[in-house]
């Protein structure tokens, strides 16, 4: 059996990096939004959702094996790509060059945000609190303006990184090859980014305002 060259390993790792960004990380992002959307229905609903998840069998093993290790690999190899690559204007054109730049930038922000989020919720609950995180805990933390702002920036970074990553994943794995198809996919990923960003910001705002920002806006519009 021929020994794999450095380029072969880079080819394999690059594709594993692309794959883990969608499965399982992207899938978990969507699930995480779905479960945390219970905050829009108040403290009791959110606390009940968190308690049910905490009672899942083999939860810790799933968190480490299915989420923790893939996220760690994706982050470390992403940092390697960021440090060794440069935007390619000639290869991707002006718009894609900017998309590449923001993909690298949001990757760095997302890494910092995820580390902070996990440390102040899951790790804090396991090592210090002894019970699952509650709606009141989130409200107290997000009441600090800098943390609330950091959450908003972090969510925008994560949703962009995932959405634009769908484009990169489709190109890397040869799912979309034509120029027109790539343009249409780029437009679709922008729509996905906007929708996920709205949902994410709305969920975070639900810890601060009853039912979230969208509900408040809807009430204001109905009152006009």
C-alpha atoms as a PDB file:
ATOM      1  CA  UNK A   1       0.000   0.000   0.000  1.00  0.00           C
ATOM      2  CA  UNK A   2       1.443   3.366  -1.060  1.00  0.00           C
ATOM      3  CA  UNK A   3       2.288   5.820   1.694  1.00  0.00           C
ATOM      4  CA  UNK A   4       0.114   8.904   1.740  1.00  0.00           C
ATOM      5  CA  UNK A   5       1.935  12.095   0.813  1.00  0.00           C
ATOM      6  CA  UNK A   6       1.544  15.436   2.569  1.00  0.00           C
ATOM      7  CA  UNK A   7      -0.775  16.587  -0.215  1.00  0.00           C
ATOM      8  CA  UNK A   8      -2.870  13.431   0.192  1.00  0.00           C
ATOM      9  CA  UNK A   9      -3.281  14.087   3.911  1.00  0.00           C
ATOM     10  CA  UNK A  10      -4.170  17.709   3.226  1.00  0.00           C
ATOM     11  CA  UNK A  11      -6.782  16.566   0.680  1.00  0.00           C
ATOM     12  CA  UNK A  12      -8.331  14.155   3.200  1.00  0.00           C
ATOM     13  CA  UNK A  13      -8.230  16.575   6.133  1.00  0.00           C
ATOM     14  CA  UNK A  14      -9.656  19.405   4.028  1.00  0.00           C
ATOM     15  CA  UNK A  15     -12.651  17.262   3.123  1.00  0.00           C
ATOM     16  CA  UNK A  16     -13.129  16.045   6.677  1.00  0.00           C
ATOM     17  CA  UNK A  17     -12.998  19.669   7.785  1.00  0.00           C
ATOM     18  CA  UNK A  18     -15.686  20.553   5.232  1.00  0.00           C
ATOM     19  CA  UNK A  19     -17.814  17.547   6.206  1.00  0.00           C
ATOM     20  CA  UNK A  20     -17.675  18.126   9.962  1.00  0.00           C
ATOM     21  CA  UNK A  21     -18.798  21.714   9.418  1.00  0.00           C
ATOM     22  CA  UNK A  22     -22.106  20.373   8.109  1.00  0.00           C
ATOM     23  CA  UNK A  23     -22.336  16.995   9.886  1.00  0.00           C
ATOM     24  CA  UNK A  24     -22.479  17.031  12.857  1.00  0.00           C
ATOM     25  CA  UNK A  25     -21.751  20.699  13.670  1.00  0.00           C
ATOM     26  CA  UNK A  26     -24.252  22.286  11.297  1.00  0.00           C
ATOM     27  CA  UNK A  27     -26.917  19.773  12.256  1.00  0.00           C
ATOM     28  CA  UNK A  28     -26.378  20.507  15.931  1.00  0.00           C
ATOM     29  CA  UNK A  29     -26.602  24.251  15.283  1.00  0.00           C
ATOM     30  CA  UNK A  30     -30.095  23.791  13.857  1.00  0.00           C
ATOM     31  CA  UNK A  31     -31.085  21.507  16.741  1.00  0.00           C
ATOM     32  CA  UNK A  32     -29.625  23.943  19.283  1.00  0.00           C
ATOM     33  CA  UNK A  33     -31.698  26.760  17.808  1.00  0.00           C
ATOM     34  CA  UNK A  34     -34.782  24.540  17.884  1.00  0.00           C
ATOM     35  CA  UNK A  35     -34.387  23.555  21.543  1.00  0.00           C
ATOM     36  CA  UNK A  36     -33.495  27.046  22.720  1.00  0.00           C
ATOM     37  CA  UNK A  37     -36.479  28.496  20.880  1.00  0.00           C
ATOM     38  CA  UNK A  38     -38.472  27.215  23.872  1.00  0.00           C
ATOM     39  CA  UNK A  39     -37.241  30.373  25.651  1.00  0.00           C
ATOM     40  CA  UNK A  40     -39.805  32.278  23.586  1.00  0.00           C
ATOM     41  CA  UNK A  41     -42.491  30.533  25.643  1.00  0.00           C
ATOM     42  CA  UNK A  42     -41.068  31.595  28.978  1.00  0.00           C
ATOM     43  CA  UNK A  43     -38.867  30.330  31.784  1.00  0.00           C
ATOM     44  CA  UNK A  44     -40.857  27.188  32.584  1.00  0.00           C
ATOM     45  CA  UNK A  45     -40.820  25.959  28.981  1.00  0.00           C
ATOM     46  CA  UNK A  46     -37.069  26.546  28.598  1.00  0.00           C
ATOM     47  CA  UNK A  47     -36.190  24.930  31.922  1.00  0.00           C
ATOM     48  CA  UNK A  48     -38.318  21.901  31.058  1.00  0.00           C
ATOM     49  CA  UNK A  49     -36.549  21.517  27.707  1.00  0.00           C
ATOM     50  CA  UNK A  50     -33.103  21.724  29.325  1.00  0.00           C
ATOM     51  CA  UNK A  51     -34.093  19.182  31.978  1.00  0.00           C
ATOM     52  CA  UNK A  52     -35.306  16.701  29.345  1.00  0.00           C
ATOM     53  CA  UNK A  53     -32.050  16.993  27.424  1.00  0.00           C
ATOM     54  CA  UNK A  54     -30.012  16.615  30.625  1.00  0.00           C
ATOM     55  CA  UNK A  55     -31.829  13.327  31.300  1.00  0.00           C
ATOM     56  CA  UNK A  56     -30.875  11.811  27.929  1.00  0.00           C
ATOM     57  CA  UNK A  57     -28.888   8.548  28.246  1.00  0.00           C
ATOM     58  CA  UNK A  58     -25.189   8.707  27.321  1.00  0.00           C
ATOM     59  CA  UNK A  59     -25.438  12.487  27.025  1.00  0.00           C
ATOM     60  CA  UNK A  60     -21.862  13.165  28.116  1.00  0.00           C
ATOM     61  CA  UNK A  61     -20.470  10.589  25.678  1.00  0.00           C
ATOM     62  CA  UNK A  62     -22.506  12.139  22.856  1.00  0.00           C
ATOM     63  CA  UNK A  63     -21.323  15.627  23.778  1.00  0.00           C
ATOM     64  CA  UNK A  64     -17.681  14.542  23.661  1.00  0.00           C
ATOM     65  CA  UNK A  65     -17.704  12.068  20.772  1.00  0.00           C
ATOM     66  CA  UNK A  66     -20.336  13.481  18.439  1.00  0.00           C
ATOM     67  CA  UNK A  67     -19.900  17.194  19.163  1.00  0.00           C
ATOM     68  CA  UNK A  68     -16.777  18.027  21.140  1.00  0.00           C
ATOM     69  CA  UNK A  69     -14.179  16.173  19.073  1.00  0.00           C
ATOM     70  CA  UNK A  70     -15.589  17.207  15.654  1.00  0.00           C
ATOM     71  CA  UNK A  71     -15.821  20.842  16.790  1.00  0.00           C
ATOM     72  CA  UNK A  72     -12.256  20.708  18.133  1.00  0.00           C
ATOM     73  CA  UNK A  73     -10.957  19.199  14.889  1.00  0.00           C
ATOM     74  CA  UNK A  74     -12.905  21.686  12.762  1.00  0.00           C
ATOM     75  CA  UNK A  75     -11.606  24.609  14.834  1.00  0.00           C
ATOM     76  CA  UNK A  76      -7.947  23.515  14.899  1.00  0.00           C
ATOM     77  CA  UNK A  77      -7.757  22.667  11.211  1.00  0.00           C
ATOM     78  CA  UNK A  78      -9.718  25.822  10.403  1.00  0.00           C
ATOM     79  CA  UNK A  79      -7.066  27.844  12.245  1.00  0.00           C
ATOM     80  CA  UNK A  80      -4.411  26.054  10.205  1.00  0.00           C
ATOM     81  CA  UNK A  81      -6.217  26.931   6.965  1.00  0.00           C
ATOM     82  CA  UNK A  82      -6.599  30.542   8.069  1.00  0.00           C
ATOM     83  CA  UNK A  83      -2.908  30.865   8.898  1.00  0.00           C
ATOM     84  CA  UNK A  84      -1.680  29.247   5.671  1.00  0.00           C
ATOM     85  CA  UNK A  85      -4.151  30.490   3.037  1.00  0.00           C
ATOM     86  CA  UNK A  86      -4.873  33.782   1.309  1.00  0.00           C
ATOM     87  CA  UNK A  87      -7.975  35.073  -0.543  1.00  0.00           C
ATOM     88  CA  UNK A  88      -7.895  34.138  -4.235  1.00  0.00           C
ATOM     89  CA  UNK A  89      -9.396  36.998  -6.227  1.00  0.00           C
ATOM     90  CA  UNK A  90      -8.529  35.471  -9.590  1.00  0.00           C
ATOM     91  CA  UNK A  91     -10.006  32.094  -8.730  1.00  0.00           C
ATOM     92  CA  UNK A  92     -13.261  33.166  -7.129  1.00  0.00           C
ATOM     93  CA  UNK A  93     -13.922  36.720  -8.209  1.00  0.00           C
ATOM     94  CA  UNK A  94     -14.467  39.758  -6.058  1.00  0.00           C
ATOM     95  CA  UNK A  95     -17.646  38.638  -4.267  1.00  0.00           C
ATOM     96  CA  UNK A  96     -16.331  35.171  -3.488  1.00  0.00           C
ATOM     97  CA  UNK A  97     -13.050  36.652  -2.316  1.00  0.00           C
ATOM     98  CA  UNK A  98     -14.920  38.692   0.278  1.00  0.00           C
ATOM     99  CA  UNK A  99     -16.972  35.622   1.190  1.00  0.00           C
ATOM    100  CA  UNK A 100     -13.722  33.726   1.738  1.00  0.00           C
ATOM    101  CA  UNK A 101     -12.380  36.532   3.938  1.00  0.00           C
ATOM    102  CA  UNK A 102     -15.544  36.640   6.068  1.00  0.00           C
ATOM    103  CA  UNK A 103     -15.572  32.845   6.289  1.00  0.00           C
ATOM    104  CA  UNK A 104     -12.123  32.946   7.906  1.00  0.00           C
ATOM    105  CA  UNK A 105     -13.007  35.948  10.111  1.00  0.00           C
ATOM    106  CA  UNK A 106     -16.304  34.496  11.328  1.00  0.00           C
ATOM    107  CA  UNK A 107     -14.539  31.209  11.999  1.00  0.00           C
ATOM    108  CA  UNK A 108     -12.254  32.959  14.486  1.00  0.00           C
ATOM    109  CA  UNK A 109     -15.160  34.803  16.105  1.00  0.00           C
ATOM    110  CA  UNK A 110     -17.284  31.646  16.206  1.00  0.00           C
ATOM    111  CA  UNK A 111     -14.463  29.719  17.879  1.00  0.00           C
ATOM    112  CA  UNK A 112     -14.189  32.336  20.645  1.00  0.00           C
ATOM    113  CA  UNK A 113     -17.972  32.529  21.018  1.00  0.00           C
ATOM    114  CA  UNK A 114     -18.500  28.759  21.225  1.00  0.00           C
ATOM    115  CA  UNK A 115     -15.707  28.433  23.806  1.00  0.00           C
ATOM    116  CA  UNK A 116     -17.269  31.197  25.911  1.00  0.00           C
ATOM    117  CA  UNK A 117     -20.792  29.824  25.496  1.00  0.00           C
ATOM    118  CA  UNK A 118     -19.854  26.266  26.482  1.00  0.00           C
ATOM    119  CA  UNK A 119     -17.698  27.443  29.387  1.00  0.00           C
ATOM    120  CA  UNK A 120     -20.394  29.682  30.866  1.00  0.00           C
ATOM    121  CA  UNK A 121     -23.279  27.259  30.379  1.00  0.00           C
ATOM    122  CA  UNK A 122     -22.453  23.547  30.110  1.00  0.00           C
ATOM    123  CA  UNK A 123     -19.109  23.484  31.931  1.00  0.00           C
ATOM    124  CA  UNK A 124     -20.355  25.923  34.566  1.00  0.00           C
ATOM    125  CA  UNK A 125     -23.429  23.759  35.146  1.00  0.00           C
ATOM    126  CA  UNK A 126     -21.387  20.545  35.433  1.00  0.00           C
ATOM    127  CA  UNK A 127     -18.457  21.724  37.510  1.00  0.00           C
ATOM    128  CA  UNK A 128     -19.848  24.509  39.682  1.00  0.00           C
ATOM    129  CA  UNK A 129     -23.629  24.709  39.676  1.00  0.00           C
ATOM    130  CA  UNK A 130     -24.382  20.998  39.832  1.00  0.00           C
ATOM    131  CA  UNK A 131     -27.718  21.411  38.048  1.00  0.00           C
ATOM    132  CA  UNK A 132     -28.665  22.281  34.435  1.00  0.00           C
ATOM    133  CA  UNK A 133     -28.539  25.893  33.322  1.00  0.00           C
ATOM    134  CA  UNK A 134     -31.837  27.732  33.751  1.00  0.00           C
ATOM    135  CA  UNK A 135     -33.705  30.566  32.099  1.00  0.00           C
ATOM    136  CA  UNK A 136     -32.879  32.725  35.130  1.00  0.00           C
ATOM    137  CA  UNK A 137     -29.162  31.973  34.691  1.00  0.00           C
ATOM    138  CA  UNK A 138     -29.272  33.025  31.044  1.00  0.00           C
ATOM    139  CA  UNK A 139     -31.261  36.155  31.847  1.00  0.00           C
ATOM    140  CA  UNK A 140     -28.778  37.135  34.541  1.00  0.00           C
ATOM    141  CA  UNK A 141     -25.792  36.593  32.252  1.00  0.00           C
ATOM    142  CA  UNK A 142     -27.299  38.355  29.237  1.00  0.00           C
ATOM    143  CA  UNK A 143     -28.320  41.293  31.402  1.00  0.00           C
ATOM    144  CA  UNK A 144     -24.682  42.350  31.190  1.00  0.00           C
ATOM    145  CA  UNK A 145     -24.551  44.532  28.046  1.00  0.00           C
ATOM    146  CA  UNK A 146     -21.145  43.313  26.842  1.00  0.00           C
ATOM    147  CA  UNK A 147     -22.203  39.658  27.095  1.00  0.00           C
ATOM    148  CA  UNK A 148     -25.472  40.354  25.267  1.00  0.00           C
ATOM    149  CA  UNK A 149     -23.556  42.163  22.514  1.00  0.00           C
ATOM    150  CA  UNK A 150     -21.014  39.340  22.327  1.00  0.00           C
ATOM    151  CA  UNK A 151     -23.835  36.802  21.949  1.00  0.00           C
ATOM    152  CA  UNK A 152     -25.348  38.766  19.078  1.00  0.00           C
ATOM    153  CA  UNK A 153     -21.995  39.062  17.300  1.00  0.00           C
ATOM    154  CA  UNK A 154     -21.265  35.398  17.994  1.00  0.00           C
ATOM    155  CA  UNK A 155     -24.589  34.222  16.605  1.00  0.00           C
ATOM    156  CA  UNK A 156     -24.132  36.286  13.444  1.00  0.00           C
ATOM    157  CA  UNK A 157     -20.633  34.828  13.045  1.00  0.00           C
ATOM    158  CA  UNK A 158     -21.835  31.246  13.557  1.00  0.00           C
ATOM    159  CA  UNK A 159     -24.790  31.562  11.186  1.00  0.00           C
ATOM    160  CA  UNK A 160     -22.663  33.160   8.467  1.00  0.00           C
ATOM    161  CA  UNK A 161     -19.896  30.586   8.868  1.00  0.00           C
ATOM    162  CA  UNK A 162     -22.411  27.746   8.572  1.00  0.00           C
ATOM    163  CA  UNK A 163     -24.401  29.269   5.709  1.00  0.00           C
ATOM    164  CA  UNK A 164     -21.399  30.183   3.596  1.00  0.00           C
ATOM    165  CA  UNK A 165     -19.888  26.839   4.556  1.00  0.00           C
ATOM    166  CA  UNK A 166     -22.779  25.166   2.737  1.00  0.00           C
ATOM    167  CA  UNK A 167     -21.463  26.764  -0.460  1.00  0.00           C
ATOM    168  CA  UNK A 168     -17.895  25.634   0.235  1.00  0.00           C
ATOM    169  CA  UNK A 169     -19.095  22.142   1.135  1.00  0.00           C
ATOM    170  CA  UNK A 170     -21.066  21.821  -2.103  1.00  0.00           C
ATOM    171  CA  UNK A 171     -18.072  22.920  -4.177  1.00  0.00           C
ATOM    172  CA  UNK A 172     -15.533  20.833  -2.251  1.00  0.00           C
ATOM    173  CA  UNK A 173     -17.584  17.663  -2.616  1.00  0.00           C
ATOM    174  CA  UNK A 174     -18.523  18.347  -6.239  1.00  0.00           C
ATOM    175  CA  UNK A 175     -22.245  18.678  -5.599  1.00  0.00           C
ATOM    176  CA  UNK A 176     -22.566  21.925  -7.582  1.00  0.00           C
ATOM    177  CA  UNK A 177     -20.211  22.365 -10.524  1.00  0.00           C
ATOM    178  CA  UNK A 178     -21.692  24.819 -13.005  1.00  0.00           C
ATOM    179  CA  UNK A 179     -21.039  28.544 -12.679  1.00  0.00           C
ATOM    180  CA  UNK A 180     -24.767  29.340 -12.715  1.00  0.00           C
ATOM    181  CA  UNK A 181     -25.417  26.683 -10.099  1.00  0.00           C
ATOM    182  CA  UNK A 182     -22.736  28.155  -7.854  1.00  0.00           C
ATOM    183  CA  UNK A 183     -24.211  31.641  -8.227  1.00  0.00           C
ATOM    184  CA  UNK A 184     -27.678  30.389  -7.322  1.00  0.00           C
ATOM    185  CA  UNK A 185     -26.279  28.493  -4.369  1.00  0.00           C
ATOM    186  CA  UNK A 186     -24.458  31.620  -3.173  1.00  0.00           C
ATOM    187  CA  UNK A 187     -27.755  33.549  -3.272  1.00  0.00           C
ATOM    188  CA  UNK A 188     -29.495  30.737  -1.383  1.00  0.00           C
ATOM    189  CA  UNK A 189     -26.858  30.691   1.340  1.00  0.00           C
ATOM    190  CA  UNK A 190     -27.352  34.444   1.864  1.00  0.00           C
ATOM    191  CA  UNK A 191     -31.065  33.816   2.439  1.00  0.00           C
ATOM    192  CA  UNK A 192     -30.228  30.973   4.861  1.00  0.00           C
ATOM    193  CA  UNK A 193     -27.832  33.262   6.721  1.00  0.00           C
ATOM    194  CA  UNK A 194     -30.450  35.996   7.084  1.00  0.00           C
ATOM    195  CA  UNK A 195     -33.153  33.594   8.267  1.00  0.00           C
ATOM    196  CA  UNK A 196     -30.905  31.832  10.786  1.00  0.00           C
ATOM    197  CA  UNK A 197     -29.597  35.163  12.050  1.00  0.00           C
ATOM    198  CA  UNK A 198     -33.112  36.441  12.672  1.00  0.00           C
ATOM    199  CA  UNK A 199     -34.026  33.236  14.504  1.00  0.00           C
ATOM    200  CA  UNK A 200     -30.834  33.277  16.574  1.00  0.00           C
ATOM    201  CA  UNK A 201     -31.142  36.916  17.615  1.00  0.00           C
ATOM    202  CA  UNK A 202     -34.814  36.381  18.417  1.00  0.00           C
ATOM    203  CA  UNK A 203     -33.961  33.440  20.695  1.00  0.00           C
ATOM    204  CA  UNK A 204     -31.327  35.408  22.595  1.00  0.00           C
ATOM    205  CA  UNK A 205     -33.691  38.360  22.968  1.00  0.00           C
ATOM    206  CA  UNK A 206     -36.314  36.021  24.461  1.00  0.00           C
ATOM    207  CA  UNK A 207     -34.149  35.726  27.586  1.00  0.00           C
ATOM    208  CA  UNK A 208     -34.417  39.489  27.984  1.00  0.00           C
ATOM    209  CA  UNK A 209     -37.895  40.371  26.697  1.00  0.00           C
ATOM    210  CA  UNK A 210     -41.102  38.394  26.881  1.00  0.00           C
ATOM    211  CA  UNK A 211     -41.431  36.048  23.845  1.00  0.00           C
ATOM    212  CA  UNK A 212     -38.488  37.629  22.063  1.00  0.00           C
ATOM    213  CA  UNK A 213     -37.788  40.484  19.701  1.00  0.00           C
ATOM    214  CA  UNK A 214     -40.044  39.318  16.861  1.00  0.00           C
ATOM    215  CA  UNK A 215     -43.047  39.073  19.173  1.00  0.00           C
ATOM    216  CA  UNK A 216     -42.386  42.592  20.464  1.00  0.00           C
ATOM    217  CA  UNK A 217     -42.094  43.923  16.934  1.00  0.00           C
ATOM    218  CA  UNK A 218     -45.309  42.151  15.974  1.00  0.00           C
ATOM    219  CA  UNK A 219     -47.133  43.624  18.952  1.00  0.00           C
ATOM    220  CA  UNK A 220     -45.837  47.094  18.097  1.00  0.00           C
ATOM    221  CA  UNK A 221     -46.986  46.775  14.487  1.00  0.00           C
ATOM    222  CA  UNK A 222     -50.432  45.568  15.549  1.00  0.00           C
ATOM    223  CA  UNK A 223     -50.687  48.533  17.877  1.00  0.00           C
ATOM    224  CA  UNK A 224     -49.951  51.033  15.096  1.00  0.00           C
END
